[in-house]
Amino acid sequence: MINKNILHACHEEGFKEGEVYNAYKVFFGTLVSESRLRIINLLRKRKMNVSEIMEELKDEQTAVSHDLARLRKCGFVEVEIDGKFRYYRLNEKTIKPLMDLIDSHMSKYCVHILRGNKHER
């Protein structure tokens, strides 16, 4: 069941419950991409522009820009314009604590996934 506060806010905007679940899918689907997870982890350390992210990831500009657009759409990152550069930073208010919580969960409950993957090779 979706939180009643979220449902109420969405109903006021004219959205149905199924549409809310679709928004959840987009949000959590953002975390499915390894490249987006790598960008999130880079931005946990410091703000960066597209060129810096490209260099760190050894990836092309279009791929990085596409991932940043998705991260921005879902509120994972915020952008700061400084002259001709756009600097991206992790949403410190919501996403940083969420990622810290995910790290804690993974280290406690999901290490067995890595062990299982290691034995499958």
Protein backbone atom coordinates (compact mmCIF):
# COMPACT_ATOMS: atom_id res chain seq x y z
CA MET A 1 0.00 0.00 0.00
CA ILE A 2 1.30 3.43 -0.92
CA ASN A 3 1.71 5.96 1.86
CA LYS A 4 -1.56 7.88 2.21
CA ASN A 5 0.22 11.27 2.15
CA ILE A 6 1.75 10.47 -1.23
CA LEU A 7 -1.53 9.15 -2.56
CA HIS A 8 -3.43 12.20 -1.34
CA ALA A 9 -0.95 14.59 -2.97
CA CYS A 10 -1.08 12.62 -6.23
CA HIS A 11 -4.89 12.41 -6.23
CA GLU A 12 -5.02 16.20 -5.80
CA GLU A 13 -2.92 16.44 -8.98
CA GLY A 14 -5.32 14.08 -10.78
CA PHE A 15 -3.09 10.99 -10.77
CA LYS A 16 -4.35 7.48 -10.09
CA GLU A 17 -2.69 4.91 -7.83
CA GLY A 18 -1.33 2.93 -10.80
CA GLU A 19 0.42 6.04 -12.08
CA VAL A 20 2.04 6.49 -8.68
CA TYR A 21 3.42 2.94 -8.90
CA ASN A 22 4.82 3.78 -12.34
CA ALA A 23 6.63 6.75 -10.80
CA TYR A 24 8.09 4.39 -8.17
CA LYS A 25 9.28 2.10 -10.98
CA VAL A 26 11.03 4.98 -12.73
CA PHE A 27 12.64 6.13 -9.47
CA PHE A 28 13.90 2.69 -8.44
CA GLY A 29 14.72 1.81 -12.05
CA THR A 30 17.20 4.66 -11.97
CA LEU A 31 19.29 2.56 -9.59
CA VAL A 32 19.34 -0.42 -11.97
CA SER A 33 21.95 1.12 -14.26
CA GLU A 34 25.57 0.44 -13.32
CA SER A 35 26.70 3.67 -15.00
CA ARG A 36 24.18 5.73 -13.02
CA LEU A 37 25.27 4.03 -9.80
CA ARG A 38 28.88 4.86 -10.65
CA ILE A 39 27.93 8.51 -11.20
CA ILE A 40 26.05 8.59 -7.90
CA ASN A 41 29.09 7.19 -6.11
CA LEU A 42 31.41 9.71 -7.78
CA LEU A 43 29.14 12.57 -6.74
CA ARG A 44 29.07 11.31 -3.15
CA LYS A 45 32.68 12.50 -2.98
CA ARG A 46 32.39 15.92 -4.66
CA LYS A 47 30.55 17.94 -7.28
CA MET A 48 31.74 17.33 -10.84
CA ASN A 49 31.09 18.51 -14.37
CA VAL A 50 30.36 16.22 -17.33
CA SER A 51 33.98 16.21 -18.51
CA GLU A 52 35.24 15.14 -15.10
CA ILE A 53 32.64 12.38 -14.89
CA MET A 54 33.50 11.21 -18.43
CA GLU A 55 37.17 11.04 -17.52
CA GLU A 56 36.55 9.08 -14.32
CA LEU A 57 34.17 6.61 -15.97
CA LYS A 58 36.00 6.40 -19.30
CA ASP A 59 32.63 6.93 -20.97
CA GLU A 60 31.29 9.08 -23.80
CA GLN A 61 29.65 12.48 -23.33
CA THR A 62 26.27 11.41 -24.69
CA ALA A 63 26.02 8.44 -22.31
CA VAL A 64 27.05 10.52 -19.27
CA SER A 65 24.68 13.35 -20.22
CA HIS A 66 21.82 10.88 -20.71
CA ASP A 67 22.47 9.32 -17.29
CA LEU A 68 22.70 12.73 -15.62
CA ALA A 69 19.38 13.76 -17.19
CA ARG A 70 17.71 10.68 -15.72
CA LEU A 71 19.34 11.25 -12.32
CA ARG A 72 18.22 14.86 -12.40
CA LYS A 73 14.67 13.98 -13.45
CA CYS A 74 14.31 11.71 -10.42
CA GLY A 75 15.92 14.18 -8.02
CA PHE A 76 19.09 12.18 -7.41
CA VAL A 77 21.35 15.04 -8.50
CA GLU A 78 21.18 18.80 -8.57
CA VAL A 79 22.95 21.11 -10.99
CA GLU A 80 24.90 24.25 -10.27
CA ILE A 81 25.93 26.55 -13.13
CA ASP A 82 29.33 28.23 -12.84
CA GLY A 83 30.13 30.23 -15.96
CA LYS A 84 30.01 27.87 -18.91
CA PHE A 85 30.17 24.76 -16.72
CA ARG A 86 27.39 22.77 -15.12
CA TYR A 87 28.43 21.06 -11.94
CA TYR A 88 26.43 18.12 -10.69
CA ARG A 89 26.17 17.18 -7.05
CA LEU A 90 24.28 14.53 -5.18
CA ASN A 91 21.02 15.59 -3.56
CA GLU A 92 22.42 15.90 -0.02
CA LYS A 93 19.05 16.17 1.67
CA THR A 94 17.44 12.95 0.46
CA ILE A 95 19.66 10.83 -1.79
CA LYS A 96 22.87 10.92 0.25
CA PRO A 97 21.10 9.53 3.37
CA LEU A 98 19.27 7.03 1.15
CA MET A 99 22.53 5.80 -0.37
CA ASP A 100 24.11 5.58 3.10
CA LEU A 101 21.14 3.47 4.22
CA ILE A 102 21.44 1.27 1.13
CA ASP A 103 25.17 0.78 1.83
CA SER A 104 24.40 -0.24 5.39
CA HIS A 105 21.70 -2.65 4.23
CA MET A 106 23.93 -4.14 1.54
CA SER A 107 26.84 -4.70 3.93
CA LYS A 108 24.57 -6.43 6.44
CA TYR A 109 22.17 -8.40 4.24
CA CYS A 110 23.53 -8.66 0.70
CA VAL A 111 27.18 -9.67 0.96
CA HIS A 112 26.01 -13.23 0.25
CA ILE A 113 25.12 -12.06 -3.27
CA LEU A 114 28.79 -11.30 -3.90
CA ARG A 115 29.86 -14.62 -2.38
CA GLY A 116 27.37 -16.45 -4.62
CA ASN A 117 28.56 -14.60 -7.72
CA LYS A 118 32.18 -15.44 -6.90
CA HIS A 119 31.43 -19.15 -6.68
CA GLU A 120 29.50 -19.15 -9.99
CA ARG A 121 32.56 -18.12 -12.02
